[in-house]
Amino acid sequence: MKKKYLLAPGPTPVPEHVSLEMALPMQHHRTPQFSKIFGEAAESAKYLFQTKQDVLILAAAGTAGDML
């Protein structure tokens, strides 16, 4: 199989199972399925940052946080 690379900030080898997941259709951000995934990510972020407070997740470029 020809190796494919993710070029940000790469080149970074991408395992085949990851490439296959990325080839699946995206979840629209207004579906119940996306809301469930988003909620799970927010709960995981609480653990990651070792807090019980709500975690703000920005769906934007990294510099968008500078505007808060």
PDB file of N, CA and C in Angstrom:
ATOM      1  N   MET A   1       0.829  -1.172   0.000  1.00  0.00           N
ATOM      2  CA  MET A   1       0.000   0.000   0.000  1.00  0.00           C
ATOM      3  C   MET A   1       0.877   1.240   0.000  1.00  0.00           C
ATOM      4  N   LYS A   2       0.514   2.212  -0.805  1.00  0.00           N
ATOM      5  CA  LYS A   2       1.248   3.469  -0.854  1.00  0.00           C
ATOM      6  C   LYS A   2       0.986   4.237   0.439  1.00  0.00           C
ATOM      7  N   LYS A   3       2.050   4.718   1.084  1.00  0.00           N
ATOM      8  CA  LYS A   3       1.884   5.466   2.320  1.00  0.00           C
ATOM      9  C   LYS A   3       1.393   6.868   2.020  1.00  0.00           C
ATOM     10  N   LYS A   4       0.454   7.313   2.840  1.00  0.00           N
ATOM     11  CA  LYS A   4      -0.047   8.674   2.712  1.00  0.00           C
ATOM     12  C   LYS A   4       0.371   9.434   3.949  1.00  0.00           C
ATOM     13  N   TYR A   5       0.602  10.714   3.809  1.00  0.00           N
ATOM     14  CA  TYR A   5       1.090  11.530   4.903  1.00  0.00           C
ATOM     15  C   TYR A   5       0.176  12.718   5.142  1.00  0.00           C
ATOM     16  N   LEU A   6       0.011  13.044   6.402  1.00  0.00           N
ATOM     17  CA  LEU A   6      -0.676  14.253   6.792  1.00  0.00           C
ATOM     18  C   LEU A   6       0.388  15.340   6.838  1.00  0.00           C
ATOM     19  N   LEU A   7       0.203  16.407   6.089  1.00  0.00           N
ATOM     20  CA  LEU A   7       1.259  17.404   5.944  1.00  0.00           C
ATOM     21  C   LEU A   7       1.076  18.615   6.855  1.00  0.00           C
ATOM     22  N   ALA A   8       0.461  18.432   8.006  1.00  0.00           N
ATOM     23  CA  ALA A   8       0.343  19.541   8.949  1.00  0.00           C
ATOM     24  C   ALA A   8       0.626  19.024  10.339  1.00  0.00           C
ATOM     25  N   PRO A   9       1.691  19.277  10.963  1.00  0.00           N
ATOM     26  CA  PRO A   9       2.871  20.020  10.554  1.00  0.00           C
ATOM     27  C   PRO A   9       3.923  19.129   9.961  1.00  0.00           C
ATOM     28  N   GLY A  10       3.712  18.198   9.318  1.00  0.00           N
ATOM     29  CA  GLY A  10       4.298  17.010   8.795  1.00  0.00           C
ATOM     30  C   GLY A  10       5.666  17.061   8.171  1.00  0.00           C
ATOM     31  N   PRO A  11       5.962  16.085   7.373  1.00  0.00           N
ATOM     32  CA  PRO A  11       5.009  15.006   7.067  1.00  0.00           C
ATOM     33  C   PRO A  11       4.826  14.067   8.271  1.00  0.00           C
ATOM     34  N   THR A  12       3.622  13.666   8.507  1.00  0.00           N
ATOM     35  CA  THR A  12       3.279  12.777   9.609  1.00  0.00           C
ATOM     36  C   THR A  12       2.630  11.529   9.046  1.00  0.00           C
ATOM     37  N   PRO A  13       3.211  10.351   9.315  1.00  0.00           N
ATOM     38  CA  PRO A  13       2.581   9.123   8.832  1.00  0.00           C
ATOM     39  C   PRO A  13       1.193   8.958   9.471  1.00  0.00           C
ATOM     40  N   VAL A  14       0.233   8.557   8.678  1.00  0.00           N
ATOM     41  CA  VAL A  14      -1.131   8.344   9.168  1.00  0.00           C
ATOM     42  C   VAL A  14      -1.440   6.857   9.044  1.00  0.00           C
ATOM     43  N   PRO A  15      -1.745   6.205  10.176  1.00  0.00           N
ATOM     44  CA  PRO A  15      -2.080   4.780  10.101  1.00  0.00           C
ATOM     45  C   PRO A  15      -3.307   4.553   9.223  1.00  0.00           C
ATOM     46  N   GLU A  16      -3.356   3.404   8.584  1.00  0.00           N
ATOM     47  CA  GLU A  16      -4.437   3.107   7.648  1.00  0.00           C
ATOM     48  C   GLU A  16      -5.811   3.187   8.315  1.00  0.00           C
ATOM     49  N   HIS A  17      -5.936   2.711   9.561  1.00  0.00           N
ATOM     50  CA  HIS A  17      -7.243   2.740  10.222  1.00  0.00           C
ATOM     51  C   HIS A  17      -7.709   4.177  10.458  1.00  0.00           C
ATOM     52  N   VAL A  18      -6.773   5.098  10.640  1.00  0.00           N
ATOM     53  CA  VAL A  18      -7.138   6.511  10.802  1.00  0.00           C
ATOM     54  C   VAL A  18      -7.610   7.075   9.465  1.00  0.00           C
ATOM     55  N   SER A  19      -6.902   6.757   8.400  1.00  0.00           N
ATOM     56  CA  SER A  19      -7.304   7.215   7.066  1.00  0.00           C
ATOM     57  C   SER A  19      -8.704   6.720   6.712  1.00  0.00           C
ATOM     58  N   LEU A  20      -8.997   5.485   7.086  1.00  0.00           N
ATOM     59  CA  LEU A  20     -10.315   4.927   6.797  1.00  0.00           C
ATOM     60  C   LEU A  20     -11.404   5.638   7.601  1.00  0.00           C
ATOM     61  N   GLU A  21     -11.120   5.975   8.856  1.00  0.00           N
ATOM     62  CA  GLU A  21     -12.094   6.722   9.667  1.00  0.00           C
ATOM     63  C   GLU A  21     -12.328   8.106   9.080  1.00  0.00           C
ATOM     64  N   MET A  22     -11.265   8.739   8.599  1.00  0.00           N
ATOM     65  CA  MET A  22     -11.395  10.086   8.032  1.00  0.00           C
ATOM     66  C   MET A  22     -12.154  10.066   6.709  1.00  0.00           C
ATOM     67  N   ALA A  23     -12.256   8.893   6.084  1.00  0.00           N
ATOM     68  CA  ALA A  23     -12.981   8.781   4.822  1.00  0.00           C
ATOM     69  C   ALA A  23     -14.490   8.626   5.022  1.00  0.00           C
ATOM     70  N   LEU A  24     -14.912   8.389   6.271  1.00  0.00           N
ATOM     71  CA  LEU A  24     -16.347   8.241   6.552  1.00  0.00           C
ATOM     72  C   LEU A  24     -17.051   9.588   6.435  1.00  0.00           C
ATOM     73  N   PRO A  25     -18.352   9.581   6.158  1.00  0.00           N
ATOM     74  CA  PRO A  25     -19.089  10.846   6.085  1.00  0.00           C
ATOM     75  C   PRO A  25     -19.027  11.592   7.425  1.00  0.00           C
ATOM     76  N   MET A  26     -18.952  12.909   7.357  1.00  0.00           N
ATOM     77  CA  MET A  26     -18.909  13.729   8.564  1.00  0.00           C
ATOM     78  C   MET A  26     -20.292  13.821   9.201  1.00  0.00           C
ATOM     79  N   GLN A  27     -20.318  14.024  10.497  1.00  0.00           N
ATOM     80  CA  GLN A  27     -21.565  14.262  11.207  1.00  0.00           C
ATOM     81  C   GLN A  27     -21.882  15.756  11.119  1.00  0.00           C
ATOM     82  N   HIS A  28     -23.097  16.093  10.722  1.00  0.00           N
ATOM     83  CA  HIS A  28     -23.495  17.496  10.677  1.00  0.00           C
ATOM     84  C   HIS A  28     -23.585  18.015  12.103  1.00  0.00           C
ATOM     85  N   HIS A  29     -23.192  19.270  12.319  1.00  0.00           N
ATOM     86  CA  HIS A  29     -23.116  19.805  13.675  1.00  0.00           C
ATOM     87  C   HIS A  29     -24.483  20.084  14.311  1.00  0.00           C
ATOM     88  N   ARG A  30     -25.559  19.878  13.592  1.00  0.00           N
ATOM     89  CA  ARG A  30     -26.894  20.081  14.167  1.00  0.00           C
ATOM     90  C   ARG A  30     -27.669  18.778  14.326  1.00  0.00           C
ATOM     91  N   THR A  31     -26.975  17.669  14.355  1.00  0.00           N
ATOM     92  CA  THR A  31     -27.637  16.380  14.538  1.00  0.00           C
ATOM     93  C   THR A  31     -27.486  15.907  15.988  1.00  0.00           C
ATOM     94  N   PRO A  32     -28.397  15.055  16.433  1.00  0.00           N
ATOM     95  CA  PRO A  32     -28.266  14.491  17.782  1.00  0.00           C
ATOM     96  C   PRO A  32     -26.961  13.700  17.950  1.00  0.00           C
ATOM     97  N   GLN A  33     -26.517  13.047  16.883  1.00  0.00           N
ATOM     98  CA  GLN A  33     -25.278  12.272  16.964  1.00  0.00           C
ATOM     99  C   GLN A  33     -24.085  13.178  17.272  1.00  0.00           C
ATOM    100  N   PHE A  34     -24.038  14.353  16.628  1.00  0.00           N
ATOM    101  CA  PHE A  34     -22.940  15.280  16.877  1.00  0.00           C
ATOM    102  C   PHE A  34     -23.020  15.815  18.303  1.00  0.00           C
ATOM    103  N   SER A  35     -24.226  16.142  18.758  1.00  0.00           N
ATOM    104  CA  SER A  35     -24.394  16.649  20.125  1.00  0.00           C
ATOM    105  C   SER A  35     -23.865  15.651  21.145  1.00  0.00           C
ATOM    106  N   LYS A  36     -24.112  14.366  20.901  1.00  0.00           N
ATOM    107  CA  LYS A  36     -23.621  13.321  21.805  1.00  0.00           C
ATOM    108  C   LYS A  36     -22.094  13.295  21.815  1.00  0.00           C
ATOM    109  N   ILE A  37     -21.481  13.334  20.636  1.00  0.00           N
ATOM    110  CA  ILE A  37     -20.021  13.326  20.532  1.00  0.00           C
ATOM    111  C   ILE A  37     -19.435  14.565  21.200  1.00  0.00           C
ATOM    112  N   PHE A  38     -20.059  15.719  20.979  1.00  0.00           N
ATOM    113  CA  PHE A  38     -19.577  16.971  21.544  1.00  0.00           C
ATOM    114  C   PHE A  38     -19.647  16.917  23.072  1.00  0.00           C
ATOM    115  N   GLY A  39     -20.738  16.380  23.602  1.00  0.00           N
ATOM    116  CA  GLY A  39     -20.871  16.249  25.050  1.00  0.00           C
ATOM    117  C   GLY A  39     -19.820  15.333  25.645  1.00  0.00           C
ATOM    118  N   GLU A  40     -19.544  14.232  24.951  1.00  0.00           N
ATOM    119  CA  GLU A  40     -18.505  13.306  25.418  1.00  0.00           C
ATOM    120  C   GLU A  40     -17.136  13.978  25.401  1.00  0.00           C
ATOM    121  N   ALA A  41     -16.877  14.783  24.376  1.00  0.00           N
ATOM    122  CA  ALA A  41     -15.599  15.498  24.292  1.00  0.00           C
ATOM    123  C   ALA A  41     -15.471  16.503  25.433  1.00  0.00           C
ATOM    124  N   ALA A  42     -16.553  17.196  25.761  1.00  0.00           N
ATOM    125  CA  ALA A  42     -16.528  18.172  26.852  1.00  0.00           C
ATOM    126  C   ALA A  42     -16.266  17.475  28.189  1.00  0.00           C
ATOM    127  N   GLU A  43     -16.900  16.333  28.411  1.00  0.00           N
ATOM    128  CA  GLU A  43     -16.664  15.581  29.649  1.00  0.00           C
ATOM    129  C   GLU A  43     -15.225  15.086  29.715  1.00  0.00           C
ATOM    130  N   SER A  44     -14.695  14.618  28.595  1.00  0.00           N
ATOM    131  CA  SER A  44     -13.306  14.157  28.560  1.00  0.00           C
ATOM    132  C   SER A  44     -12.341  15.310  28.819  1.00  0.00           C
ATOM    133  N   ALA A  45     -12.691  16.499  28.337  1.00  0.00           N
ATOM    134  CA  ALA A  45     -11.843  17.672  28.566  1.00  0.00           C
ATOM    135  C   ALA A  45     -11.795  18.020  30.049  1.00  0.00           C
ATOM    136  N   LYS A  46     -12.898  17.817  30.753  1.00  0.00           N
ATOM    137  CA  LYS A  46     -12.897  18.065  32.202  1.00  0.00           C
ATOM    138  C   LYS A  46     -11.869  17.170  32.890  1.00  0.00           C
ATOM    139  N   TYR A  47     -11.844  15.913  32.491  1.00  0.00           N
ATOM    140  CA  TYR A  47     -10.866  14.989  33.066  1.00  0.00           C
ATOM    141  C   TYR A  47      -9.445  15.422  32.678  1.00  0.00           C
ATOM    142  N   LEU A  48      -9.276  15.752  31.416  1.00  0.00           N
ATOM    143  CA  LEU A  48      -7.953  16.149  30.923  1.00  0.00           C
ATOM    144  C   LEU A  48      -7.393  17.332  31.710  1.00  0.00           C
ATOM    145  N   PHE A  49      -8.241  18.323  31.975  1.00  0.00           N
ATOM    146  CA  PHE A  49      -7.802  19.521  32.681  1.00  0.00           C
ATOM    147  C   PHE A  49      -8.003  19.414  34.190  1.00  0.00           C
ATOM    148  N   GLN A  50      -8.430  18.240  34.658  1.00  0.00           N
ATOM    149  CA  GLN A  50      -8.626  17.979  36.076  1.00  0.00           C
ATOM    150  C   GLN A  50      -9.498  19.045  36.738  1.00  0.00           C
ATOM    151  N   THR A  51     -10.696  19.257  36.169  1.00  0.00           N
ATOM    152  CA  THR A  51     -11.639  20.224  36.704  1.00  0.00           C
ATOM    153  C   THR A  51     -13.036  19.635  36.712  1.00  0.00           C
ATOM    154  N   LYS A  52     -13.871  20.178  37.573  1.00  0.00           N
ATOM    155  CA  LYS A  52     -15.285  19.816  37.579  1.00  0.00           C
ATOM    156  C   LYS A  52     -16.111  20.930  36.953  1.00  0.00           C
ATOM    157  N   GLN A  53     -15.450  22.030  36.613  1.00  0.00           N
ATOM    158  CA  GLN A  53     -16.112  23.160  35.977  1.00  0.00           C
ATOM    159  C   GLN A  53     -16.363  22.857  34.501  1.00  0.00           C
ATOM    160  N   ASP A  54     -17.284  23.608  33.889  1.00  0.00           N
ATOM    161  CA  ASP A  54     -17.519  23.456  32.459  1.00  0.00           C
ATOM    162  C   ASP A  54     -16.269  23.865  31.689  1.00  0.00           C
ATOM    163  N   VAL A  55     -16.028  23.192  30.574  1.00  0.00           N
ATOM    164  CA  VAL A  55     -14.894  23.497  29.704  1.00  0.00           C
ATOM    165  C   VAL A  55     -15.440  24.104  28.426  1.00  0.00           C
ATOM    166  N   LEU A  56     -14.894  25.244  28.046  1.00  0.00           N
ATOM    167  CA  LEU A  56     -15.327  25.928  26.828  1.00  0.00           C
ATOM    168  C   LEU A  56     -14.565  25.346  25.643  1.00  0.00           C
ATOM    169  N   ILE A  57     -15.302  24.837  24.676  1.00  0.00           N
ATOM    170  CA  ILE A  57     -14.685  24.294  23.461  1.00  0.00           C
ATOM    171  C   ILE A  57     -14.998  25.250  22.327  1.00  0.00           C
ATOM    172  N   LEU A  58     -13.961  25.805  21.714  1.00  0.00           N
ATOM    173  CA  LEU A  58     -14.142  26.727  20.594  1.00  0.00           C
ATOM    174  C   LEU A  58     -13.994  25.970  19.280  1.00  0.00           C
ATOM    175  N   ALA A  59     -14.987  26.087  18.429  1.00  0.00           N
ATOM    176  CA  ALA A  59     -14.907  25.509  17.084  1.00  0.00           C
ATOM    177  C   ALA A  59     -14.411  26.610  16.158  1.00  0.00           C
ATOM    178  N   ALA A  60     -13.120  26.882  16.240  1.00  0.00           N
ATOM    179  CA  ALA A  60     -12.546  27.998  15.486  1.00  0.00           C
ATOM    180  C   ALA A  60     -11.040  27.788  15.375  1.00  0.00           C
ATOM    181  N   ALA A  61     -10.400  28.657  14.635  1.00  0.00           N
ATOM    182  CA  ALA A  61      -8.948  28.636  14.536  1.00  0.00           C
ATOM    183  C   ALA A  61      -8.359  28.956  15.915  1.00  0.00           C
ATOM    184  N   GLY A  62      -7.132  28.540  16.150  1.00  0.00           N
ATOM    185  CA  GLY A  62      -6.496  28.749  17.437  1.00  0.00           C
ATOM    186  C   GLY A  62      -6.437  30.190  17.888  1.00  0.00           C
ATOM    187  N   THR A  63      -6.319  31.114  16.952  1.00  0.00           N
ATOM    188  CA  THR A  63      -6.239  32.523  17.332  1.00  0.00           C
ATOM    189  C   THR A  63      -7.578  33.086  17.768  1.00  0.00           C
ATOM    190  N   ALA A  64      -8.675  32.367  17.560  1.00  0.00           N
ATOM    191  CA  ALA A  64      -9.985  32.858  17.977  1.00  0.00           C
ATOM    192  C   ALA A  64     -10.074  33.016  19.490  1.00  0.00           C
ATOM    193  N   GLY A  65      -9.325  32.216  20.230  1.00  0.00           N
ATOM    194  CA  GLY A  65      -9.309  32.317  21.682  1.00  0.00           C
ATOM    195  C   GLY A  65      -8.735  33.629  22.172  1.00  0.00           C
ATOM    196  N   ASP A  66      -7.941  34.291  21.340  1.00  0.00           N
ATOM    197  CA  ASP A  66      -7.374  35.595  21.713  1.00  0.00           C
ATOM    198  C   ASP A  66      -8.457  36.646  21.834  1.00  0.00           C
ATOM    199  N   MET A  67      -9.612  36.398  21.236  1.00  0.00           N
ATOM    200  CA  MET A  67     -10.675  37.392  21.217  1.00  0.00           C
ATOM    201  C   MET A  67     -11.559  37.329  22.445  1.00  0.00           C
ATOM    202  N   LEU A  68     -11.344  36.328  23.310  1.00  0.00           N
ATOM    203  CA  LEU A  68     -12.191  36.200  24.504  1.00  0.00           C
ATOM    204  C   LEU A  68     -11.839  37.211  25.558  1.00  0.00           C
TER     205      LEU A  68
END
